[in-house]
Amino acid sequence: MGMSERSDLAPLAVYEMMRHLGIDTAGGVIPRYGLAFACAARTCRGCAEAKNCRKWLQSASPTQSLAPRFCPNADLLLQLTLDGPNTDPSRPSSAAAPAI
């Protein structure tokens, strides 16, 4: 499926993957993360691995903490997992920390 065949309003798997990895998808409104979220969405929208992604999302263990290797957003998702807005209250988020 080419980029022109996808609707801009179609749900993107990257947001489902973010939720699965514990990344707070509302974090895209935080200025320091906005560009990363926008890049992830753009990359996902044009990705040729949509079928593999859906399979991974359906079969991934709830404890899976890394995006699959085939994902072109894997590095960005790792960075957001480690240093981005998160949904795990036991893990401190740098999003809440004041910039120094």
N, C-alpha and C. Protein backbone atom coordinates (compact mmCIF):
# COMPACT_ATOMS: atom_id res chain seq x y z
N MET A 1 0.85 -1.17 0.00
CA MET A 1 0.00 0.00 0.00
C MET A 1 0.89 1.23 0.00
N GLY A 2 0.77 2.08 -0.99
CA GLY A 2 1.57 3.28 -1.08
C GLY A 2 1.04 4.38 -0.18
N MET A 3 1.86 5.41 -0.02
CA MET A 3 1.46 6.50 0.86
C MET A 3 0.18 7.17 0.39
N SER A 4 0.00 7.29 -0.92
CA SER A 4 -1.18 7.97 -1.43
C SER A 4 -2.46 7.15 -1.21
N GLU A 5 -2.32 5.85 -0.96
CA GLU A 5 -3.48 4.99 -0.74
C GLU A 5 -3.94 5.00 0.71
N ARG A 6 -3.14 5.55 1.60
CA ARG A 6 -3.49 5.60 3.02
C ARG A 6 -4.15 6.92 3.34
N SER A 7 -5.16 6.86 4.16
CA SER A 7 -5.83 8.07 4.62
C SER A 7 -5.00 8.71 5.72
N ASP A 8 -4.92 10.04 5.72
CA ASP A 8 -4.23 10.73 6.79
C ASP A 8 -4.95 10.54 8.12
N LEU A 9 -6.21 10.14 8.06
CA LEU A 9 -6.99 9.96 9.28
C LEU A 9 -6.98 8.52 9.78
N ALA A 10 -6.36 7.62 9.03
CA ALA A 10 -6.29 6.22 9.45
C ALA A 10 -5.43 6.11 10.71
N PRO A 11 -5.82 5.25 11.65
CA PRO A 11 -5.00 5.09 12.85
C PRO A 11 -3.64 4.52 12.48
N LEU A 12 -2.62 5.03 13.09
CA LEU A 12 -1.26 4.59 12.80
C LEU A 12 -0.81 3.58 13.84
N ALA A 13 -0.16 2.55 13.37
CA ALA A 13 0.32 1.50 14.27
C ALA A 13 1.36 2.03 15.25
N VAL A 14 2.06 3.09 14.89
CA VAL A 14 3.11 3.60 15.77
C VAL A 14 2.52 4.04 17.11
N TYR A 15 1.30 4.56 17.12
CA TYR A 15 0.70 4.98 18.38
C TYR A 15 0.32 3.77 19.23
N GLU A 16 -0.14 2.71 18.59
CA GLU A 16 -0.43 1.48 19.32
C GLU A 16 0.86 0.89 19.87
N MET A 17 1.93 0.96 19.07
CA MET A 17 3.22 0.45 19.51
C MET A 17 3.74 1.28 20.69
N MET A 18 3.56 2.60 20.62
CA MET A 18 3.98 3.47 21.72
C MET A 18 3.26 3.07 23.01
N ARG A 19 1.96 2.90 22.93
CA ARG A 19 1.19 2.50 24.11
C ARG A 19 1.69 1.17 24.66
N HIS A 20 1.97 0.23 23.75
CA HIS A 20 2.46 -1.09 24.16
C HIS A 20 3.80 -0.96 24.89
N LEU A 21 4.64 -0.03 24.45
CA LEU A 21 5.97 0.14 25.04
C LEU A 21 5.95 1.05 26.27
N GLY A 22 4.77 1.56 26.63
CA GLY A 22 4.66 2.40 27.81
C GLY A 22 4.93 3.88 27.57
N ILE A 23 4.93 4.29 26.32
CA ILE A 23 5.13 5.70 25.98
C ILE A 23 3.77 6.38 25.98
N ASP A 24 3.65 7.48 26.69
CA ASP A 24 2.39 8.22 26.77
C ASP A 24 2.17 8.95 25.44
N THR A 25 1.16 8.53 24.69
CA THR A 25 0.92 9.11 23.36
C THR A 25 0.47 10.56 23.44
N ALA A 26 0.03 11.01 24.58
CA ALA A 26 -0.32 12.42 24.75
C ALA A 26 0.94 13.28 24.83
N GLY A 27 2.08 12.65 24.97
CA GLY A 27 3.35 13.38 25.07
C GLY A 27 3.73 14.14 23.82
N GLY A 28 3.06 13.88 22.72
CA GLY A 28 3.36 14.59 21.48
C GLY A 28 3.06 16.07 21.56
N VAL A 29 2.27 16.49 22.53
CA VAL A 29 1.97 17.92 22.68
C VAL A 29 3.04 18.64 23.50
N ILE A 30 3.93 17.89 24.14
CA ILE A 30 5.03 18.49 24.88
C ILE A 30 6.07 18.95 23.86
N PRO A 31 6.41 20.23 23.87
CA PRO A 31 7.31 20.76 22.82
C PRO A 31 8.57 19.94 22.59
N ARG A 32 9.20 19.44 23.64
CA ARG A 32 10.46 18.73 23.42
C ARG A 32 10.27 17.37 22.75
N TYR A 33 9.04 16.85 22.69
CA TYR A 33 8.77 15.56 22.06
C TYR A 33 7.94 15.67 20.78
N GLY A 34 7.40 16.82 20.50
CA GLY A 34 6.51 17.00 19.35
C GLY A 34 7.13 16.57 18.03
N LEU A 35 8.37 16.97 17.79
CA LEU A 35 9.04 16.63 16.54
C LEU A 35 9.26 15.12 16.43
N ALA A 36 9.65 14.49 17.53
CA ALA A 36 9.87 13.04 17.51
C ALA A 36 8.57 12.31 17.18
N PHE A 37 7.45 12.74 17.78
CA PHE A 37 6.17 12.11 17.51
C PHE A 37 5.76 12.33 16.05
N ALA A 38 5.96 13.54 15.54
CA ALA A 38 5.61 13.84 14.16
C ALA A 38 6.45 13.00 13.18
N CYS A 39 7.74 12.87 13.46
CA CYS A 39 8.60 12.05 12.61
C CYS A 39 8.18 10.58 12.64
N ALA A 40 7.84 10.08 13.83
CA ALA A 40 7.41 8.68 13.96
C ALA A 40 6.12 8.45 13.16
N ALA A 41 5.19 9.39 13.24
CA ALA A 41 3.93 9.25 12.50
C ALA A 41 4.17 9.27 11.00
N ARG A 42 5.01 10.18 10.54
CA ARG A 42 5.30 10.27 9.11
C ARG A 42 5.98 9.00 8.60
N THR A 43 6.93 8.50 9.37
CA THR A 43 7.63 7.28 8.99
C THR A 43 6.66 6.10 8.95
N CYS A 44 5.80 6.01 9.95
CA CYS A 44 4.81 4.92 10.01
C CYS A 44 3.84 5.00 8.82
N ARG A 45 3.42 6.18 8.50
CA ARG A 45 2.45 6.36 7.41
C ARG A 45 3.01 5.82 6.09
N GLY A 46 4.31 5.94 5.88
CA GLY A 46 4.91 5.49 4.62
C GLY A 46 5.61 4.14 4.71
N CYS A 47 5.44 3.45 5.82
CA CYS A 47 6.18 2.20 6.05
C CYS A 47 5.62 1.04 5.23
N ALA A 48 6.52 0.22 4.73
CA ALA A 48 6.14 -0.96 3.95
C ALA A 48 5.95 -2.19 4.84
N GLU A 49 6.17 -2.05 6.15
CA GLU A 49 6.09 -3.17 7.07
C GLU A 49 4.77 -3.24 7.85
N ALA A 50 3.73 -2.60 7.35
CA ALA A 50 2.46 -2.52 8.09
C ALA A 50 1.92 -3.90 8.45
N LYS A 51 2.01 -4.84 7.54
CA LYS A 51 1.49 -6.20 7.81
C LYS A 51 2.28 -6.86 8.94
N ASN A 52 3.62 -6.78 8.88
CA ASN A 52 4.46 -7.34 9.93
C ASN A 52 4.22 -6.63 11.26
N CYS A 53 4.01 -5.34 11.20
CA CYS A 53 3.76 -4.56 12.40
C CYS A 53 2.48 -5.03 13.09
N ARG A 54 1.41 -5.18 12.33
CA ARG A 54 0.14 -5.63 12.90
C ARG A 54 0.30 -7.02 13.54
N LYS A 55 1.03 -7.90 12.86
CA LYS A 55 1.27 -9.24 13.41
C LYS A 55 2.03 -9.14 14.73
N TRP A 56 3.05 -8.28 14.77
CA TRP A 56 3.84 -8.11 15.99
C TRP A 56 2.97 -7.57 17.11
N LEU A 57 2.16 -6.56 16.82
CA LEU A 57 1.31 -5.97 17.84
C LEU A 57 0.30 -6.98 18.39
N GLN A 58 -0.17 -7.88 17.54
CA GLN A 58 -1.15 -8.88 17.99
C GLN A 58 -0.50 -9.99 18.83
N SER A 59 0.78 -10.25 18.58
CA SER A 59 1.42 -11.38 19.25
C SER A 59 2.46 -11.00 20.29
N ALA A 60 2.80 -9.73 20.41
CA ALA A 60 3.86 -9.31 21.33
C ALA A 60 3.45 -9.54 22.77
N SER A 61 4.39 -9.98 23.55
CA SER A 61 4.17 -10.18 24.98
C SER A 61 3.93 -8.82 25.65
N PRO A 62 3.08 -8.78 26.65
CA PRO A 62 2.85 -7.52 27.37
C PRO A 62 4.13 -6.97 28.00
N THR A 63 5.11 -7.83 28.23
CA THR A 63 6.37 -7.37 28.82
C THR A 63 7.41 -6.97 27.78
N GLN A 64 7.07 -7.09 26.50
CA GLN A 64 7.99 -6.71 25.42
C GLN A 64 8.29 -5.23 25.56
N SER A 65 9.56 -4.88 25.70
CA SER A 65 9.92 -3.48 25.95
C SER A 65 10.66 -2.81 24.80
N LEU A 66 10.88 -3.53 23.72
CA LEU A 66 11.57 -2.96 22.56
C LEU A 66 10.73 -3.15 21.31
N ALA A 67 10.78 -2.17 20.43
CA ALA A 67 10.11 -2.29 19.14
C ALA A 67 10.85 -3.35 18.32
N PRO A 68 10.16 -4.00 17.39
CA PRO A 68 10.81 -5.02 16.57
C PRO A 68 11.88 -4.41 15.66
N ARG A 69 12.84 -5.22 15.30
CA ARG A 69 13.96 -4.74 14.47
C ARG A 69 13.52 -4.23 13.10
N PHE A 70 12.44 -4.79 12.55
CA PHE A 70 12.01 -4.37 11.22
C PHE A 70 11.40 -2.96 11.23
N CYS A 71 11.08 -2.45 12.39
CA CYS A 71 10.41 -1.15 12.49
C CYS A 71 11.40 -0.01 12.22
N PRO A 72 11.11 0.84 11.25
CA PRO A 72 12.01 1.96 10.97
C PRO A 72 12.01 3.01 12.09
N ASN A 73 11.06 2.92 13.01
CA ASN A 73 11.01 3.82 14.16
C ASN A 73 11.65 3.22 15.41
N ALA A 74 12.26 2.06 15.30
CA ALA A 74 12.77 1.34 16.48
C ALA A 74 13.71 2.21 17.32
N ASP A 75 14.65 2.90 16.70
CA ASP A 75 15.61 3.72 17.46
C ASP A 75 14.91 4.88 18.16
N LEU A 76 14.01 5.54 17.44
CA LEU A 76 13.28 6.66 18.01
C LEU A 76 12.39 6.18 19.16
N LEU A 77 11.74 5.04 19.01
CA LEU A 77 10.89 4.49 20.07
C LEU A 77 11.72 4.10 21.28
N LEU A 78 12.92 3.58 21.07
CA LEU A 78 13.81 3.27 22.18
C LEU A 78 14.16 4.53 22.95
N GLN A 79 14.49 5.58 22.23
CA GLN A 79 14.83 6.84 22.89
C GLN A 79 13.63 7.37 23.68
N LEU A 80 12.44 7.32 23.11
CA LEU A 80 11.25 7.78 23.83
C LEU A 80 10.93 6.88 25.02
N THR A 81 11.20 5.59 24.90
CA THR A 81 10.98 4.67 26.01
C THR A 81 11.90 5.01 27.17
N LEU A 82 13.14 5.35 26.85
CA LEU A 82 14.13 5.63 27.89
C LEU A 82 14.03 7.05 28.46
N ASP A 83 13.68 8.01 27.61
CA ASP A 83 13.78 9.41 28.03
C ASP A 83 12.54 10.22 27.69
N GLY A 84 11.44 9.58 27.37
CA GLY A 84 10.27 10.32 26.95
C GLY A 84 9.13 10.24 27.94
N PRO A 85 7.99 10.76 27.54
CA PRO A 85 6.81 10.69 28.40
C PRO A 85 6.35 9.24 28.51
N ASN A 86 6.04 8.81 29.71
CA ASN A 86 5.69 7.39 29.87
C ASN A 86 4.40 7.23 30.66
N THR A 87 3.85 6.03 30.57
CA THR A 87 2.60 5.72 31.26
C THR A 87 2.84 4.89 32.51
N ASP A 88 4.09 4.61 32.83
CA ASP A 88 4.42 3.81 34.01
C ASP A 88 4.70 4.74 35.18
N PRO A 89 3.80 4.80 36.17
CA PRO A 89 3.99 5.74 37.27
C PRO A 89 5.21 5.43 38.13
N SER A 90 5.74 4.21 38.05
CA SER A 90 6.91 3.86 38.85
C SER A 90 8.21 4.32 38.19
N ARG A 91 8.12 4.70 36.93
CA ARG A 91 9.32 5.15 36.22
C ARG A 91 9.29 6.66 36.10
N PRO A 92 10.32 7.36 36.59
CA PRO A 92 10.32 8.81 36.46
C PRO A 92 10.39 9.23 35.00
N SER A 93 9.73 10.29 34.66
CA SER A 93 9.71 10.77 33.29
C SER A 93 10.48 12.08 33.22
N SER A 94 11.35 12.18 32.23
CA SER A 94 12.09 13.42 32.06
C SER A 94 11.17 14.51 31.50
N ALA A 95 9.99 14.12 31.02
CA ALA A 95 9.05 15.11 30.51
C ALA A 95 8.57 16.03 31.62
N ALA A 96 8.51 15.51 32.84
CA ALA A 96 8.04 16.31 33.96
C ALA A 96 9.17 17.11 34.59
N ALA A 97 10.40 16.77 34.27
CA ALA A 97 11.54 17.46 34.86
C ALA A 97 11.76 18.81 34.19
N PRO A 98 12.08 19.83 34.96
CA PRO A 98 12.35 21.13 34.35
C PRO A 98 13.64 21.10 33.55
N ALA A 99 13.68 21.82 32.48
CA ALA A 99 14.89 21.90 31.65
C ALA A 99 15.93 22.72 32.39
N ILE A 100 17.16 22.28 32.31
CA ILE A 100 18.26 23.00 32.99
C ILE A 100 19.08 23.71 31.95
